[in-house]
């Protein structure tokens, strides 16, 4: 082999090593990006916000079956859920005893908070003997509920479709610690995109 051929082979080996090194650098950079993105997605979904799907008609007319929402989780670190908030929550023990799994999240509207007395009489909800204005419900409830005081750190939640909702009027109070987050934004279907 001539000196020129040896130099050409050596040069080709160097080029081949450079290409391999560049490929490894690109692969490592891409791997870093994927790992960082996965960690960020986990943190965001766990502590900040997550998407949710509406599986039933219990929140008509506010939410329809198939709606997709953004559930924010930050605000409840600073204050408890308020009356009127639409919340997503893990089923309380009463529902788990009926066979619901912890992962089967529910979505309802907060109607009463700890310390308040709630009653449902002749199609109207009363909080501390005051009629609750509810322009968001599908129809008035066809049932009554005797006055009951909501314990501290508990919520009374109901679906806006009052007569077709598995909610607090059936299974009781919701512990605040079961709340996953606050439904704030509908991102699908596109023709009804907007705040909840």
Protein backbone atom coordinates (compact mmCIF):
# COMPACT_ATOMS: atom_id res chain seq x y z
CA UNK A 1 0.00 0.00 0.00
CA UNK A 2 1.38 3.38 -0.96
CA UNK A 3 1.82 6.29 1.41
CA UNK A 4 -0.99 8.15 -0.33
CA UNK A 5 -3.35 5.20 0.12
CA UNK A 6 -2.46 4.99 3.83
CA UNK A 7 -3.17 8.71 4.24
CA UNK A 8 -6.51 8.33 2.42
CA UNK A 9 -7.52 5.38 4.67
CA UNK A 10 -6.47 7.26 7.80
CA UNK A 11 -8.42 10.30 6.69
CA UNK A 12 -11.50 8.15 5.96
CA UNK A 13 -11.22 6.55 9.43
CA UNK A 14 -11.07 10.00 11.04
CA UNK A 15 -14.12 11.15 9.06
CA UNK A 16 -16.00 7.98 10.03
CA UNK A 17 -15.20 8.56 13.74
CA UNK A 18 -16.31 12.19 13.48
CA UNK A 19 -19.62 11.16 11.91
CA UNK A 20 -20.18 8.50 14.61
CA UNK A 21 -19.37 11.03 17.34
CA UNK A 22 -21.82 13.54 15.83
CA UNK A 23 -24.54 10.90 15.66
CA UNK A 24 -23.97 9.98 19.33
CA UNK A 25 -24.07 13.66 20.32
CA UNK A 26 -27.36 14.13 18.47
CA UNK A 27 -28.82 10.98 20.04
CA UNK A 28 -27.74 12.06 23.53
CA UNK A 29 -29.20 15.55 23.02
CA UNK A 30 -32.48 14.07 21.81
CA UNK A 31 -32.54 11.67 24.77
CA UNK A 32 -31.98 14.59 27.17
CA UNK A 33 -34.84 16.50 25.54
CA UNK A 34 -37.18 13.50 25.84
CA UNK A 35 -36.25 12.93 29.51
CA UNK A 36 -36.68 16.63 30.41
CA UNK A 37 -39.99 16.83 28.51
CA UNK A 38 -41.25 13.70 30.30
CA UNK A 39 -40.29 15.09 33.71
CA UNK A 40 -41.94 18.44 32.92
CA UNK A 41 -45.10 16.70 31.66
CA UNK A 42 -45.26 14.64 34.87
CA UNK A 43 -44.80 17.73 37.07
CA UNK A 44 -47.37 19.76 35.12
CA UNK A 45 -49.95 16.95 35.13
CA UNK A 46 -49.41 16.14 38.80
CA UNK A 47 -49.28 19.64 40.28
CA UNK A 48 -50.47 22.26 37.77
CA UNK A 49 -53.04 21.13 35.16
CA UNK A 50 -54.30 18.13 33.24
CA UNK A 51 -56.80 17.33 30.50
CA UNK A 52 -60.04 15.52 31.33
CA UNK A 53 -62.86 13.95 29.31
CA UNK A 54 -66.57 14.24 30.23
CA UNK A 55 -68.03 10.70 30.15
CA UNK A 56 -71.69 11.39 31.01
CA UNK A 57 -74.58 13.85 30.80
CA UNK A 58 -74.62 14.68 34.54
CA UNK A 59 -73.36 18.24 33.95
CA UNK A 60 -75.76 19.25 31.15
CA UNK A 61 -76.22 21.95 29.95
CA UNK A 62 -72.86 23.33 31.18
CA UNK A 63 -70.81 20.38 29.93
CA UNK A 64 -71.74 17.82 27.34
CA UNK A 65 -70.69 14.21 27.01
CA UNK A 66 -67.41 14.13 25.09
CA UNK A 67 -66.24 17.61 26.12
CA UNK A 68 -62.55 17.86 26.90
CA UNK A 69 -61.43 20.22 29.65
CA UNK A 70 -58.34 21.62 31.28
CA UNK A 71 -58.39 21.04 35.03
CA UNK A 72 -56.15 23.43 36.95
CA UNK A 73 -54.72 22.33 40.29
CA UNK A 74 -52.84 25.38 41.56
CA UNK A 75 -55.61 27.60 42.99
CA UNK A 76 -56.70 25.06 45.60
CA UNK A 77 -53.23 25.16 47.16
CA UNK A 78 -54.11 28.73 48.20
CA UNK A 79 -57.84 28.56 48.95
CA UNK A 80 -60.53 25.87 49.26
CA UNK A 81 -63.12 25.22 46.57
CA UNK A 82 -65.89 27.83 46.47
CA UNK A 83 -69.60 27.53 45.77
CA UNK A 84 -70.12 27.47 42.00
CA UNK A 85 -66.75 25.90 41.18
CA UNK A 86 -66.91 22.91 38.84
CA UNK A 87 -64.54 20.38 40.39
CA UNK A 88 -63.05 17.04 39.40
CA UNK A 89 -62.59 14.62 42.28
CA UNK A 90 -61.73 11.08 43.23
CA UNK A 91 -64.80 9.13 44.34
CA UNK A 92 -65.24 9.22 48.12
CA UNK A 93 -65.38 6.04 50.18
CA UNK A 94 -69.18 5.81 49.80
CA UNK A 95 -68.77 5.41 46.03
CA UNK A 96 -65.78 3.09 46.29
CA UNK A 97 -67.87 0.77 48.45
CA UNK A 98 -70.29 0.66 45.50
CA UNK A 99 -67.51 -0.53 43.19
CA UNK A 100 -66.11 2.72 41.77
CA UNK A 101 -62.33 2.79 41.50
CA UNK A 102 -60.19 5.62 42.87
CA UNK A 103 -59.10 6.46 39.30
CA UNK A 104 -62.71 6.98 38.12
CA UNK A 105 -62.85 10.74 38.55
CA UNK A 106 -66.19 12.53 38.85
CA UNK A 107 -67.05 16.11 37.88
CA UNK A 108 -69.70 18.15 39.70
CA UNK A 109 -70.47 21.69 40.84
CA UNK A 110 -69.80 22.77 44.42
CA UNK A 111 -73.17 23.80 45.86
CA UNK A 112 -72.34 23.98 49.57
CA UNK A 113 -69.21 24.17 51.74
CA UNK A 114 -68.39 23.19 55.31
CA UNK A 115 -70.51 24.83 57.98
CA UNK A 116 -73.45 25.62 55.70
CA UNK A 117 -76.88 24.01 55.94
CA UNK A 118 -78.33 22.76 52.68
CA UNK A 119 -81.89 21.75 51.86
CA UNK A 120 -83.80 21.01 48.66
CA UNK A 121 -87.49 21.89 48.84
CA UNK A 122 -90.00 22.00 45.99
CA UNK A 123 -87.34 22.12 43.26
CA UNK A 124 -85.14 24.77 44.91
CA UNK A 125 -81.81 24.49 46.68
CA UNK A 126 -81.51 26.44 49.93
CA UNK A 127 -78.24 27.36 51.62
CA UNK A 128 -78.72 28.58 55.19
CA UNK A 129 -82.43 29.15 54.44
CA UNK A 130 -81.66 31.32 51.40
CA UNK A 131 -82.75 30.18 47.94
CA UNK A 132 -79.72 29.58 45.70
CA UNK A 133 -80.04 31.22 42.25
CA UNK A 134 -79.08 28.56 39.71
CA UNK A 135 -79.34 29.69 36.11
CA UNK A 136 -76.88 26.97 35.05
CA UNK A 137 -79.03 23.87 35.77
CA UNK A 138 -80.90 21.83 33.16
CA UNK A 139 -84.08 21.62 35.25
CA UNK A 140 -85.17 21.89 38.88
CA UNK A 141 -84.61 18.83 41.03
CA UNK A 142 -87.60 16.46 41.28
CA UNK A 143 -86.63 15.43 44.81
CA UNK A 144 -86.40 16.96 48.27
CA UNK A 145 -83.60 16.88 50.81
CA UNK A 146 -84.18 17.63 54.47
CA UNK A 147 -81.91 20.35 55.93
CA UNK A 148 -78.47 18.97 56.67
CA UNK A 149 -75.32 20.77 57.86
CA UNK A 150 -72.19 20.18 55.83
CA UNK A 151 -69.25 19.22 58.08
CA UNK A 152 -66.05 21.29 58.02
CA UNK A 153 -63.57 20.20 55.33
CA UNK A 154 -66.43 18.66 53.34
CA UNK A 155 -68.32 19.80 50.25
CA UNK A 156 -71.80 19.20 48.88
CA UNK A 157 -71.53 18.71 45.11
CA UNK A 158 -74.26 18.27 42.49
CA UNK A 159 -74.47 17.81 38.75
CA UNK A 160 -76.12 20.61 36.76
CA UNK A 161 -78.39 17.92 35.31
CA UNK A 162 -79.97 17.57 38.75
CA UNK A 163 -82.31 14.70 37.90
CA UNK A 164 -79.64 12.59 36.19
CA UNK A 165 -76.62 12.94 38.44
CA UNK A 166 -74.95 10.59 40.92
CA UNK A 167 -73.99 13.29 43.42
CA UNK A 168 -74.06 14.37 47.07
CA UNK A 169 -77.84 14.20 47.32
CA UNK A 170 -77.42 10.42 46.86
CA UNK A 171 -74.10 9.50 48.48
CA UNK A 172 -73.36 12.34 50.90
CA UNK A 173 -70.50 14.74 51.45
CA UNK A 174 -67.26 15.01 49.51
CA UNK A 175 -64.05 15.36 51.53
CA UNK A 176 -62.06 18.36 50.25
CA UNK A 177 -58.92 16.23 50.00
CA UNK A 178 -60.61 14.19 47.24
CA UNK A 179 -60.70 17.23 44.94
CA UNK A 180 -58.22 16.89 42.08
CA UNK A 181 -58.75 20.31 40.53
CA UNK A 182 -60.98 23.02 39.14
CA UNK A 183 -62.43 22.76 35.62
CA UNK A 184 -61.55 26.05 33.94
CA UNK A 185 -61.40 25.68 30.17
CA UNK A 186 -63.06 23.58 27.45
CA UNK A 187 -60.65 22.93 24.56
CA UNK A 188 -62.82 20.50 22.58
CA UNK A 189 -65.10 20.50 20.64
CA UNK A 190 -63.69 23.54 18.87
CA UNK A 191 -67.07 25.17 18.24
CA UNK A 192 -67.63 25.41 22.02
CA UNK A 193 -64.09 26.26 23.09
CA UNK A 194 -63.91 28.60 26.07
CA UNK A 195 -64.11 29.01 29.84
CA UNK A 196 -66.26 26.65 31.89
